[in-house]
Amino acid sequence: MSFQEKSFIVSLFANIVIFAAYSFYIYQSYPIESLLSQDNLAFWAKVILIYIPVSIVIKIVIYIIFLIINSIATKEETPDQTDEMDRLIELKATRNCFYVFFFGFVLSLGVIIIGWPVWIMFVSLFLSFSLTTFSWDISHIYYYRKGI
């Protein structure tokens, strides 16, 4: 298994753990009535705005730990160079995650159009952000395994 595959598998695992832990924390910390309130738009905005930097910092820490463990286990240094295949895979993965985000964003707007509560829009945006990161990692793993 190549270094790139391993790094994206670690990233996918980290994204799943971060999403699950943060969702569990939100669910446990606040009563369900306050989560479903129409007047709590600031709460949902805060949930999303806190999730983004928290997930970035945790992913950086996990990636550093992965690099240390990988270099100890394989006795090899991290590859510095990228070739044309890496750039093509990056472009295809970017395309896929933009599609996922676009459909999640349109779904969030559709929720408002059909008259559902606003909190459902924020939950669908939160899920859209998470599914975007999942699709990014899954696309990389798929294209590294399949090839271009």
Protein backbone atom coordinates (compact mmCIF):
# COMPACT_ATOMS: atom_id res chain seq x y z
CA MET A 1 0.00 0.00 0.00
CA SER A 2 1.41 3.37 -0.99
CA PHE A 3 2.04 6.22 1.40
CA GLN A 4 -0.75 8.26 -0.20
CA GLU A 5 -3.29 5.48 0.30
CA LYS A 6 -2.31 5.09 3.93
CA SER A 7 -2.51 8.82 4.57
CA PHE A 8 -6.00 9.10 3.09
CA ILE A 9 -7.21 6.04 5.01
CA VAL A 10 -5.97 7.69 8.20
CA SER A 11 -7.65 10.93 7.14
CA LEU A 12 -10.95 9.16 6.45
CA PHE A 13 -10.82 7.42 9.81
CA ALA A 14 -10.01 10.75 11.51
CA ASN A 15 -12.92 12.48 9.77
CA ILE A 16 -15.35 9.76 10.84
CA VAL A 17 -14.14 9.84 14.44
CA ILE A 18 -14.21 13.65 14.61
CA PHE A 19 -17.72 13.81 13.12
CA ALA A 20 -19.06 11.11 15.43
CA ALA A 21 -17.42 12.56 18.54
CA TYR A 22 -18.54 16.12 17.81
CA SER A 23 -22.10 15.02 16.99
CA PHE A 24 -22.23 12.95 20.17
CA TYR A 25 -20.90 15.91 22.19
CA ILE A 26 -23.56 18.25 20.78
CA TYR A 27 -26.31 15.69 21.35
CA GLN A 28 -25.21 15.02 24.96
CA SER A 29 -24.47 18.64 25.92
CA TYR A 30 -27.75 20.24 24.94
CA PRO A 31 -31.33 19.14 25.57
CA ILE A 32 -33.17 18.01 22.48
CA GLU A 33 -35.77 20.76 22.88
CA SER A 34 -33.11 23.45 22.52
CA LEU A 35 -31.60 21.73 19.49
CA LEU A 36 -34.94 21.71 17.68
CA SER A 37 -35.96 25.27 18.57
CA GLN A 38 -36.67 27.71 15.73
CA ASP A 39 -35.19 30.54 17.81
CA ASN A 40 -31.82 28.82 18.12
CA LEU A 41 -30.26 29.79 14.80
CA ALA A 42 -27.23 31.31 16.50
CA PHE A 43 -26.62 27.98 18.24
CA TRP A 44 -26.54 26.06 14.95
CA ALA A 45 -24.30 28.65 13.33
CA LYS A 46 -21.93 28.34 16.30
CA VAL A 47 -21.97 24.52 16.04
CA ILE A 48 -20.85 24.69 12.40
CA LEU A 49 -18.30 27.47 12.95
CA ILE A 50 -16.70 25.63 15.87
CA TYR A 51 -16.67 22.28 14.03
CA ILE A 52 -14.52 23.60 11.18
CA PRO A 53 -11.44 24.78 13.17
CA VAL A 54 -11.73 21.95 15.71
CA SER A 55 -11.70 19.34 12.95
CA ILE A 56 -8.77 21.04 11.20
CA VAL A 57 -6.64 21.12 14.36
CA ILE A 58 -7.44 17.53 15.29
CA LYS A 59 -6.68 16.35 11.73
CA ILE A 60 -3.31 18.12 11.80
CA VAL A 61 -2.42 16.44 15.09
CA ILE A 62 -3.53 13.03 13.79
CA TYR A 63 -1.57 13.52 10.56
CA ILE A 64 1.60 14.41 12.50
CA ILE A 65 1.17 11.31 14.65
CA PHE A 66 0.63 9.24 11.48
CA LEU A 67 3.83 10.63 9.93
CA ILE A 68 5.83 9.78 13.03
CA ILE A 69 4.43 6.26 13.31
CA ASN A 70 4.80 5.62 9.57
CA SER A 71 8.43 6.78 9.52
CA ILE A 72 9.25 4.59 12.53
CA ALA A 73 7.46 1.53 11.10
CA THR A 74 8.69 1.76 7.51
CA LYS A 75 12.03 3.47 8.12
CA GLU A 76 11.30 5.64 5.08
CA GLU A 77 10.91 9.36 4.73
CA THR A 78 7.74 11.05 3.54
CA PRO A 79 7.67 11.39 -0.25
CA ASP A 80 8.06 15.05 -1.23
CA GLN A 81 7.33 14.85 -4.92
CA THR A 82 4.05 14.55 -6.72
CA ASP A 83 3.72 13.35 -10.27
CA GLU A 84 1.06 13.78 -12.93
CA MET A 85 -1.01 10.93 -11.56
CA ASP A 86 -1.11 12.55 -8.12
CA ARG A 87 -2.26 15.83 -9.66
CA LEU A 88 -4.96 14.09 -11.72
CA ILE A 89 -6.20 12.22 -8.67
CA GLU A 90 -6.26 15.49 -6.74
CA LEU A 91 -8.33 17.15 -9.47
CA LYS A 92 -10.82 14.28 -9.68
CA ALA A 93 -11.18 14.12 -5.89
CA THR A 94 -11.75 17.88 -5.79
CA ARG A 95 -14.41 17.57 -8.46
CA ASN A 96 -16.17 14.82 -6.53
CA CYS A 97 -16.16 16.69 -3.23
CA PHE A 98 -17.47 19.87 -4.92
CA TYR A 99 -20.34 17.83 -6.36
CA VAL A 100 -21.18 16.46 -2.92
CA PHE A 101 -21.04 19.92 -1.36
CA PHE A 102 -23.12 21.46 -4.15
CA PHE A 103 -25.87 18.86 -3.79
CA GLY A 104 -25.82 19.23 0.01
CA PHE A 105 -26.07 23.01 -0.28
CA VAL A 106 -28.96 22.78 -2.77
CA LEU A 107 -30.66 20.27 -0.47
CA SER A 108 -30.27 22.73 2.42
CA LEU A 109 -31.91 25.48 0.38
CA GLY A 110 -34.63 23.07 -0.72
CA VAL A 111 -35.45 22.35 2.91
CA ILE A 112 -36.24 26.04 3.42
CA ILE A 113 -38.24 26.27 0.20
CA ILE A 114 -40.57 23.42 1.16
CA GLY A 115 -41.19 24.99 4.55
CA TRP A 116 -39.36 22.68 6.91
CA PRO A 117 -37.84 24.13 10.09
CA VAL A 118 -34.63 26.11 9.76
CA TRP A 119 -32.73 23.80 12.11
CA ILE A 120 -33.06 21.05 9.49
CA MET A 121 -31.24 23.32 7.03
CA PHE A 122 -28.36 23.71 9.48
CA VAL A 123 -28.21 19.99 10.15
CA SER A 124 -28.16 19.28 6.41
CA LEU A 125 -25.36 21.84 5.96
CA PHE A 126 -23.41 20.21 8.80
CA LEU A 127 -23.89 16.79 7.17
CA SER A 128 -22.95 18.25 3.80
CA PHE A 129 -19.65 19.54 5.19
CA SER A 130 -18.90 16.16 6.70
CA LEU A 131 -19.89 14.18 3.61
CA THR A 132 -17.68 16.47 1.55
CA THR A 133 -14.61 15.53 3.60
CA PHE A 134 -15.60 11.85 3.46
CA SER A 135 -15.96 12.00 -0.33
CA TRP A 136 -12.58 13.73 -0.61
CA ASP A 137 -10.81 10.90 1.19
CA ILE A 138 -12.82 8.10 -0.42
CA SER A 139 -12.17 9.55 -3.89
CA HIS A 140 -8.43 9.65 -3.24
CA ILE A 141 -8.38 6.08 -1.96
CA TYR A 142 -10.50 4.87 -4.90
CA TYR A 143 -8.38 6.59 -7.56
CA TYR A 144 -5.09 5.45 -6.01
CA ARG A 145 -6.36 1.87 -6.01
CA LYS A 146 -8.01 1.97 -9.42
CA GLY A 147 -5.57 4.24 -11.18
CA ILE A 148 -6.37 6.86 -13.76
